[in-house]
Amino acid sequence: MNTKKLLNSQTFERKVTQLKTVAHPARLLILWYLKNNPHTPVHKVAEAVGLPAGIVSIHLNNMRHKDIVQRKRKGKEVGYSVNESVMKELQRLSLLDLS
């Protein structure tokens, strides 16, 4: 990982915000489901994770605005997927040894 890029305060703060967003039990469950089932509409995610569609929609919009998930419209349906590049960055950052 490029340390100079990581230490840029705006980049670092954005990554911290993304990590905080992901560190929520419902969001982790939603991300796990989407990782295994990309391009899934809200109602199917809600059914699979056992949460109301309105709550899932709020979580997905929160994560979308932070670039954690992406959405793609196909006709009348909107499917959500994990933003793989962002998740890889967050995974590397969360495993960073600061000692």
C-alpha atoms as a PDB file:
ATOM      1  CA  MET A   1       0.000   0.000   0.000  1.00  0.00           C
ATOM      2  CA  ASN A   2       1.262   3.468  -0.842  1.00  0.00           C
ATOM      3  CA  THR A   3       1.996   5.093   2.530  1.00  0.00           C
ATOM      4  CA  LYS A   4       2.015   8.635   1.122  1.00  0.00           C
ATOM      5  CA  LYS A   5      -1.456   8.124  -0.304  1.00  0.00           C
ATOM      6  CA  LEU A   6      -2.665   6.623   2.985  1.00  0.00           C
ATOM      7  CA  LEU A   7      -1.287   9.522   4.999  1.00  0.00           C
ATOM      8  CA  ASN A   8      -3.061  12.136   2.896  1.00  0.00           C
ATOM      9  CA  SER A   9      -5.486  13.412   5.531  1.00  0.00           C
ATOM     10  CA  GLN A  10      -8.528  13.566   3.241  1.00  0.00           C
ATOM     11  CA  THR A  11      -7.948  10.061   1.915  1.00  0.00           C
ATOM     12  CA  PHE A  12      -7.299   8.737   5.399  1.00  0.00           C
ATOM     13  CA  GLU A  13     -10.443  10.352   6.838  1.00  0.00           C
ATOM     14  CA  ARG A  14     -12.525   8.960   3.974  1.00  0.00           C
ATOM     15  CA  LYS A  15     -11.210   5.448   4.611  1.00  0.00           C
ATOM     16  CA  VAL A  16     -11.865   5.782   8.349  1.00  0.00           C
ATOM     17  CA  THR A  17     -15.439   6.874   7.599  1.00  0.00           C
ATOM     18  CA  GLN A  18     -15.876   3.909   5.265  1.00  0.00           C
ATOM     19  CA  LEU A  19     -14.525   1.509   7.897  1.00  0.00           C
ATOM     20  CA  LYS A  20     -16.902   2.933  10.501  1.00  0.00           C
ATOM     21  CA  THR A  21     -19.792   2.507   8.076  1.00  0.00           C
ATOM     22  CA  VAL A  22     -18.903  -1.111   7.362  1.00  0.00           C
ATOM     23  CA  ALA A  23     -18.476  -1.884  11.085  1.00  0.00           C
ATOM     24  CA  HIS A  24     -22.208  -2.308  11.652  1.00  0.00           C
ATOM     25  CA  PRO A  25     -23.771  -5.771  12.069  1.00  0.00           C
ATOM     26  CA  ALA A  26     -26.590  -5.237   9.552  1.00  0.00           C
ATOM     27  CA  ARG A  27     -24.279  -3.654   6.988  1.00  0.00           C
ATOM     28  CA  LEU A  28     -21.748  -6.461   7.328  1.00  0.00           C
ATOM     29  CA  LEU A  29     -24.517  -8.986   6.737  1.00  0.00           C
ATOM     30  CA  ILE A  30     -25.746  -7.054   3.693  1.00  0.00           C
ATOM     31  CA  LEU A  31     -22.203  -6.814   2.297  1.00  0.00           C
ATOM     32  CA  TRP A  32     -21.590 -10.518   2.847  1.00  0.00           C
ATOM     33  CA  TYR A  33     -24.793 -11.315   0.976  1.00  0.00           C
ATOM     34  CA  LEU A  34     -23.994  -8.935  -1.890  1.00  0.00           C
ATOM     35  CA  LYS A  35     -20.459 -10.294  -2.176  1.00  0.00           C
ATOM     36  CA  ASN A  36     -21.974 -13.694  -2.926  1.00  0.00           C
ATOM     37  CA  ASN A  37     -24.997 -12.369  -4.870  1.00  0.00           C
ATOM     38  CA  PRO A  38     -24.042  -9.309  -6.940  1.00  0.00           C
ATOM     39  CA  HIS A  39     -26.604  -7.124  -8.740  1.00  0.00           C
ATOM     40  CA  THR A  40     -29.357  -7.949  -6.241  1.00  0.00           C
ATOM     41  CA  PRO A  41     -32.398  -5.700  -5.758  1.00  0.00           C
ATOM     42  CA  VAL A  42     -33.266  -4.360  -2.299  1.00  0.00           C
ATOM     43  CA  HIS A  43     -36.294  -6.606  -1.739  1.00  0.00           C
ATOM     44  CA  LYS A  44     -34.243  -9.765  -2.375  1.00  0.00           C
ATOM     45  CA  VAL A  45     -31.428  -8.596  -0.092  1.00  0.00           C
ATOM     46  CA  ALA A  46     -33.991  -7.809   2.614  1.00  0.00           C
ATOM     47  CA  GLU A  47     -35.597 -11.222   2.301  1.00  0.00           C
ATOM     48  CA  ALA A  48     -32.229 -12.983   2.433  1.00  0.00           C
ATOM     49  CA  VAL A  49     -30.870 -11.120   5.476  1.00  0.00           C
ATOM     50  CA  GLY A  50     -34.162 -11.004   7.376  1.00  0.00           C
ATOM     51  CA  LEU A  51     -34.489  -7.227   7.650  1.00  0.00           C
ATOM     52  CA  PRO A  52     -37.282  -4.925   6.459  1.00  0.00           C
ATOM     53  CA  ALA A  53     -36.742  -3.614   2.923  1.00  0.00           C
ATOM     54  CA  GLY A  54     -36.885  -0.010   4.148  1.00  0.00           C
ATOM     55  CA  ILE A  55     -34.022  -0.596   6.587  1.00  0.00           C
ATOM     56  CA  VAL A  56     -31.950  -2.402   3.955  1.00  0.00           C
ATOM     57  CA  SER A  57     -32.587   0.452   1.541  1.00  0.00           C
ATOM     58  CA  ILE A  58     -31.348   2.998   4.092  1.00  0.00           C
ATOM     59  CA  HIS A  59     -28.179   0.968   4.736  1.00  0.00           C
ATOM     60  CA  LEU A  60     -27.534   0.509   1.010  1.00  0.00           C
ATOM     61  CA  ASN A  61     -27.965   4.213   0.306  1.00  0.00           C
ATOM     62  CA  ASN A  62     -25.623   5.048   3.180  1.00  0.00           C
ATOM     63  CA  MET A  63     -22.995   2.672   1.783  1.00  0.00           C
ATOM     64  CA  ARG A  64     -23.563   3.858  -1.794  1.00  0.00           C
ATOM     65  CA  HIS A  65     -22.886   7.480  -0.854  1.00  0.00           C
ATOM     66  CA  LYS A  66     -19.576   6.315   0.635  1.00  0.00           C
ATOM     67  CA  ASP A  67     -18.695   4.254  -2.491  1.00  0.00           C
ATOM     68  CA  ILE A  68     -18.867   0.940  -0.596  1.00  0.00           C
ATOM     69  CA  VAL A  69     -21.601  -0.446  -2.846  1.00  0.00           C
ATOM     70  CA  GLN A  70     -22.642   0.365  -6.388  1.00  0.00           C
ATOM     71  CA  ARG A  71     -26.036   0.226  -8.009  1.00  0.00           C
ATOM     72  CA  LYS A  72     -27.026  -0.551 -11.552  1.00  0.00           C
ATOM     73  CA  ARG A  73     -30.439  -0.167 -13.094  1.00  0.00           C
ATOM     74  CA  LYS A  74     -31.813  -2.936 -15.306  1.00  0.00           C
ATOM     75  CA  GLY A  75     -35.231  -1.918 -16.559  1.00  0.00           C
ATOM     76  CA  LYS A  76     -37.358  -1.153 -13.504  1.00  0.00           C
ATOM     77  CA  GLU A  77     -35.061  -2.941 -11.038  1.00  0.00           C
ATOM     78  CA  VAL A  78     -32.001  -1.528  -9.352  1.00  0.00           C
ATOM     79  CA  GLY A  79     -29.395  -4.080  -8.331  1.00  0.00           C
ATOM     80  CA  TYR A  80     -26.671  -3.508  -5.756  1.00  0.00           C
ATOM     81  CA  SER A  81     -23.145  -4.919  -5.709  1.00  0.00           C
ATOM     82  CA  VAL A  82     -20.075  -4.541  -3.533  1.00  0.00           C
ATOM     83  CA  ASN A  83     -17.495  -2.060  -4.826  1.00  0.00           C
ATOM     84  CA  GLU A  84     -14.636  -4.558  -4.902  1.00  0.00           C
ATOM     85  CA  SER A  85     -11.817  -2.025  -5.213  1.00  0.00           C
ATOM     86  CA  VAL A  86     -12.974  -0.053  -2.163  1.00  0.00           C
ATOM     87  CA  MET A  87     -13.499  -3.218  -0.127  1.00  0.00           C
ATOM     88  CA  LYS A  88      -9.981  -4.429  -0.958  1.00  0.00           C
ATOM     89  CA  GLU A  89      -8.546  -1.091   0.189  1.00  0.00           C
ATOM     90  CA  LEU A  90     -10.547  -1.243   3.417  1.00  0.00           C
ATOM     91  CA  GLN A  91      -9.467  -4.800   4.026  1.00  0.00           C
ATOM     92  CA  ARG A  92      -5.803  -3.854   3.600  1.00  0.00           C
ATOM     93  CA  LEU A  93      -6.221  -0.837   5.864  1.00  0.00           C
ATOM     94  CA  SER A  94      -8.031  -2.797   8.575  1.00  0.00           C
ATOM     95  CA  LEU A  95      -5.208  -5.366   8.646  1.00  0.00           C
ATOM     96  CA  LEU A  96      -2.517  -2.712   8.828  1.00  0.00           C
ATOM     97  CA  ASP A  97      -0.028  -3.394  11.616  1.00  0.00           C
ATOM     98  CA  LEU A  98       0.536  -0.077  13.358  1.00  0.00           C
ATOM     99  CA  SER A  99       2.986  -1.406  15.957  1.00  0.00           C
END
